[in-house]
Protein backbone atom coordinates (compact mmCIF):
# COMPACT_ATOMS: atom_id res chain seq x y z
CA MET A 1 -32.89 9.36 -24.16
CA GLU A 2 -31.75 12.51 -25.84
CA GLU A 3 -34.40 14.74 -24.23
CA LEU A 4 -33.32 13.66 -20.74
CA ASP A 5 -29.65 14.33 -21.48
CA LEU A 6 -30.57 17.75 -22.83
CA ILE A 7 -32.45 18.65 -19.63
CA VAL A 8 -29.49 17.61 -17.45
CA GLU A 9 -27.06 19.51 -19.70
CA THR A 10 -29.20 22.68 -19.57
CA VAL A 11 -29.39 22.49 -15.76
CA LYS A 12 -25.62 22.01 -15.60
CA GLN A 13 -24.97 25.02 -17.88
CA ASP A 14 -27.26 27.23 -15.78
CA MET A 15 -25.43 26.20 -12.62
CA GLU A 16 -22.02 26.79 -14.25
CA ALA A 17 -23.17 30.28 -15.25
CA ALA A 18 -24.22 30.96 -11.65
CA ILE A 19 -20.74 30.02 -10.39
CA LYS A 20 -19.09 32.24 -13.05
CA HIS A 21 -21.31 35.11 -11.92
CA LEU A 22 -20.26 34.48 -8.32
CA ASP A 23 -16.58 34.61 -9.32
CA HIS A 24 -17.19 37.91 -11.12
CA ALA A 25 -19.02 39.33 -8.09
CA PHE A 26 -16.16 38.24 -5.80
CA GLN A 27 -13.63 40.02 -8.03
CA ARG A 28 -15.42 43.28 -7.30
CA ILE A 29 -15.21 42.71 -3.54
CA ARG A 30 -11.77 43.99 -2.70
CA ALA A 31 -9.60 42.18 -0.23
CA GLY A 32 -6.99 44.71 0.82
CA ARG A 33 -4.87 44.80 -2.34
CA ALA A 34 -5.35 47.16 -5.26
CA SER A 35 -6.63 45.44 -8.40
CA THR A 36 -7.84 46.60 -11.81
CA ASN A 37 -10.96 44.48 -11.17
CA MET A 38 -12.07 47.05 -8.59
CA VAL A 39 -12.83 49.58 -11.32
CA GLN A 40 -13.80 47.25 -14.17
CA ASP A 41 -17.51 48.05 -13.87
CA VAL A 42 -17.06 51.85 -13.82
CA MET A 43 -18.89 53.44 -16.76
CA VAL A 44 -17.65 56.83 -18.00
CA GLU A 45 -19.81 59.29 -19.91
CA TYR A 46 -17.58 59.82 -22.93
CA TYR A 47 -18.88 61.89 -25.87
CA GLY A 48 -22.45 61.32 -24.70
CA ALA A 49 -22.23 57.52 -24.40
CA LEU A 50 -21.61 55.39 -21.32
CA THR A 51 -18.31 53.63 -21.98
CA PRO A 52 -16.41 51.13 -19.79
CA LEU A 53 -13.43 52.75 -18.06
CA ASN A 54 -10.92 50.36 -19.65
CA GLN A 55 -12.01 51.60 -23.11
CA VAL A 56 -11.16 55.25 -22.39
CA ALA A 57 -8.04 54.80 -20.24
CA ASN A 58 -5.17 52.54 -19.35
CA VAL A 59 -5.79 51.10 -15.88
CA SER A 60 -2.77 49.74 -14.00
CA VAL A 61 -1.66 48.80 -10.50
CA PRO A 62 1.81 50.24 -9.82
CA ASP A 63 1.84 48.91 -6.24
CA ALA A 64 -0.37 47.02 -3.76
CA MET A 65 -2.19 50.16 -2.58
CA THR A 66 -2.53 52.24 -5.77
CA ILE A 67 -4.56 52.13 -8.96
CA SER A 68 -3.35 54.39 -11.75
CA ILE A 69 -5.71 55.50 -14.53
CA GLN A 70 -4.21 57.20 -17.57
CA PRO A 71 -6.85 58.46 -20.04
CA TRP A 72 -6.02 58.16 -23.73
CA ASP A 73 -7.80 61.48 -24.25
CA ARG A 74 -6.91 64.10 -21.62
CA THR A 75 -10.28 65.84 -22.08
CA ALA A 76 -11.92 62.77 -20.52
CA ILE A 77 -10.08 63.09 -17.20
CA ASN A 78 -12.88 64.99 -15.43
CA ALA A 79 -15.55 62.58 -16.73
CA ILE A 80 -13.50 59.63 -15.46
CA GLU A 81 -13.05 61.26 -12.06
CA LYS A 82 -16.79 61.94 -11.84
CA ALA A 83 -17.62 58.34 -12.83
CA ILE A 84 -15.34 56.96 -10.10
CA VAL A 85 -16.91 59.19 -7.44
CA ASN A 86 -20.44 58.27 -8.61
CA SER A 87 -19.67 54.53 -8.63
CA ASN A 88 -19.62 54.43 -4.78
CA LEU A 89 -16.40 52.43 -4.65
CA GLY A 90 -15.23 54.42 -1.65
CA PHE A 91 -12.19 55.91 -3.41
CA ALA A 92 -11.23 59.58 -3.47
CA PRO A 93 -9.56 60.05 -6.86
CA SER A 94 -6.66 62.52 -7.13
CA ASN A 95 -5.89 64.00 -10.52
CA ASN A 96 -2.57 65.52 -11.59
CA GLY A 97 -3.79 66.66 -15.02
CA GLU A 98 -2.50 63.55 -16.81
CA ASN A 99 -3.37 60.63 -14.53
CA ILE A 100 -5.93 59.77 -11.91
CA ILE A 101 -4.52 58.06 -8.86
CA LEU A 102 -6.72 55.99 -6.54
CA ASN A 103 -5.21 55.20 -3.17
CA VAL A 104 -6.68 51.99 -1.80
CA PRO A 105 -6.93 52.47 1.96
CA PRO A 106 -6.13 49.51 4.19
CA LEU A 107 -9.24 47.71 5.34
CA THR A 108 -10.53 48.33 8.85
CA GLU A 109 -11.93 45.43 10.86
CA GLU A 110 -15.43 46.85 10.43
CA ARG A 111 -15.01 47.12 6.64
CA ARG A 112 -13.67 43.54 6.48
CA LYS A 113 -16.78 42.28 8.28
CA GLU A 114 -18.95 44.30 5.89
CA LEU A 115 -17.17 42.80 2.87
CA ALA A 116 -17.47 39.30 4.34
CA LYS A 117 -21.20 39.88 4.78
CA GLN A 118 -21.44 41.09 1.18
CA ALA A 119 -19.61 37.96 -0.03
CA LYS A 120 -21.99 35.76 1.97
CA ALA A 121 -25.01 37.53 0.45
CA GLU A 122 -23.60 37.00 -3.08
CA THR A 123 -23.08 33.32 -2.26
CA GLU A 124 -26.66 32.93 -0.99
CA ASP A 125 -28.00 34.60 -4.15
CA THR A 126 -25.96 32.18 -6.26
CA LYS A 127 -27.29 29.20 -4.32
CA ILE A 128 -30.82 30.42 -5.07
CA VAL A 129 -29.98 30.56 -8.78
CA VAL A 130 -28.58 27.00 -8.57
CA ARG A 131 -31.75 25.76 -6.85
CA ASN A 132 -33.93 27.56 -9.38
CA ALA A 133 -32.03 25.79 -12.17
CA ARG A 134 -32.81 22.49 -10.41
CA GLN A 135 -36.52 23.41 -10.19
CA ALA A 136 -36.62 24.36 -13.87
CA GLY A 137 -35.03 21.03 -14.80
CA LEU A 138 -37.48 19.05 -12.66
CA LYS A 139 -40.44 20.94 -14.17
CA GLU A 140 -39.14 20.16 -17.63
CA LEU A 141 -38.92 16.47 -16.67
CA LYS A 142 -42.56 16.43 -15.54
CA ARG A 143 -43.64 17.77 -18.94
CA LEU A 144 -42.10 14.85 -20.80
CA GLU A 145 -44.44 12.12 -21.93
CA GLY A 146 -43.74 8.51 -22.73
CA VAL A 147 -40.70 8.26 -20.48
CA SER A 148 -40.38 5.46 -17.94
CA GLU A 149 -40.60 6.29 -14.25
CA ASP A 150 -37.19 4.70 -13.68
CA ALA A 151 -35.58 7.00 -16.27
CA ILE A 152 -37.21 10.06 -14.67
CA LYS A 153 -36.09 8.98 -11.17
CA SER A 154 -32.55 8.50 -12.47
CA VAL A 155 -32.46 11.97 -14.06
CA GLU A 156 -33.96 13.53 -10.91
CA ALA A 157 -31.10 11.93 -8.95
CA ASP A 158 -28.56 13.32 -11.46
CA ILE A 159 -30.04 16.81 -11.15
CA GLN A 160 -29.95 16.61 -7.35
CA GLU A 161 -26.34 15.45 -7.52
CA LEU A 162 -25.48 18.47 -9.69
CA THR A 163 -27.32 20.77 -7.28
CA ASP A 164 -25.38 19.42 -4.30
CA LYS A 165 -22.10 19.76 -6.22
CA TYR A 166 -22.72 23.39 -7.17
CA VAL A 167 -24.04 24.43 -3.75
CA LYS A 168 -20.84 22.96 -2.27
CA ALA A 169 -18.82 24.89 -4.90
CA CYS A 170 -20.54 28.10 -3.72
CA ASP A 171 -19.56 27.34 -0.13
CA ASP A 172 -15.97 26.54 -1.15
CA HIS A 173 -15.70 29.82 -3.09
CA LEU A 174 -17.02 31.69 -0.04
CA LYS A 175 -14.46 30.05 2.29
CA VAL A 176 -11.61 31.14 0.00
CA LYS A 177 -12.97 34.69 -0.34
CA ASP A 178 -13.61 34.97 3.40
CA ALA A 179 -10.02 33.95 4.15
CA GLU A 180 -8.80 36.51 1.60
CA ILE A 181 -10.92 39.30 3.12
CA MET A 182 -9.99 38.56 6.71
CA LYS A 183 -6.26 38.19 6.05
CA VAL A 184 -4.54 41.32 7.40
């Protein structure tokens, strides 16, 4: 039945979106190497509007421990510096009048454990979203009328199978990120 397929497809899309969100969250959790992803969510107040950093400057990684930010408009350099400090990324920006340099300090053992804990929390939040998608799908199934019990049981099994698959995907993503964080 088309309605049943639609419910399963909607649940699957919601779970896919949860995994994509987890990947995005993991990109922000640094693992010892400098990356442009570390500053991708920084918003700069530029001419009165909050603007993403990558729209007011060129962000590059010249080496494993440095992020270089070169504003296209030199008058924005102080606003960019302020935005980085206010973003609580833990970087102390240095400004030479043309560029802003962020030195990425090596991770201490304590900081690694903190980041691992943060990654685990993101994973747990994602699992909750996956389970909520399952619940929404099951509720939608219960609302259907004129559908055989066998068809409903079959779709419930499909939804549970999807849930198990995506919860396992969350765990797999966490294992990879944990290994990345703990690697010295």
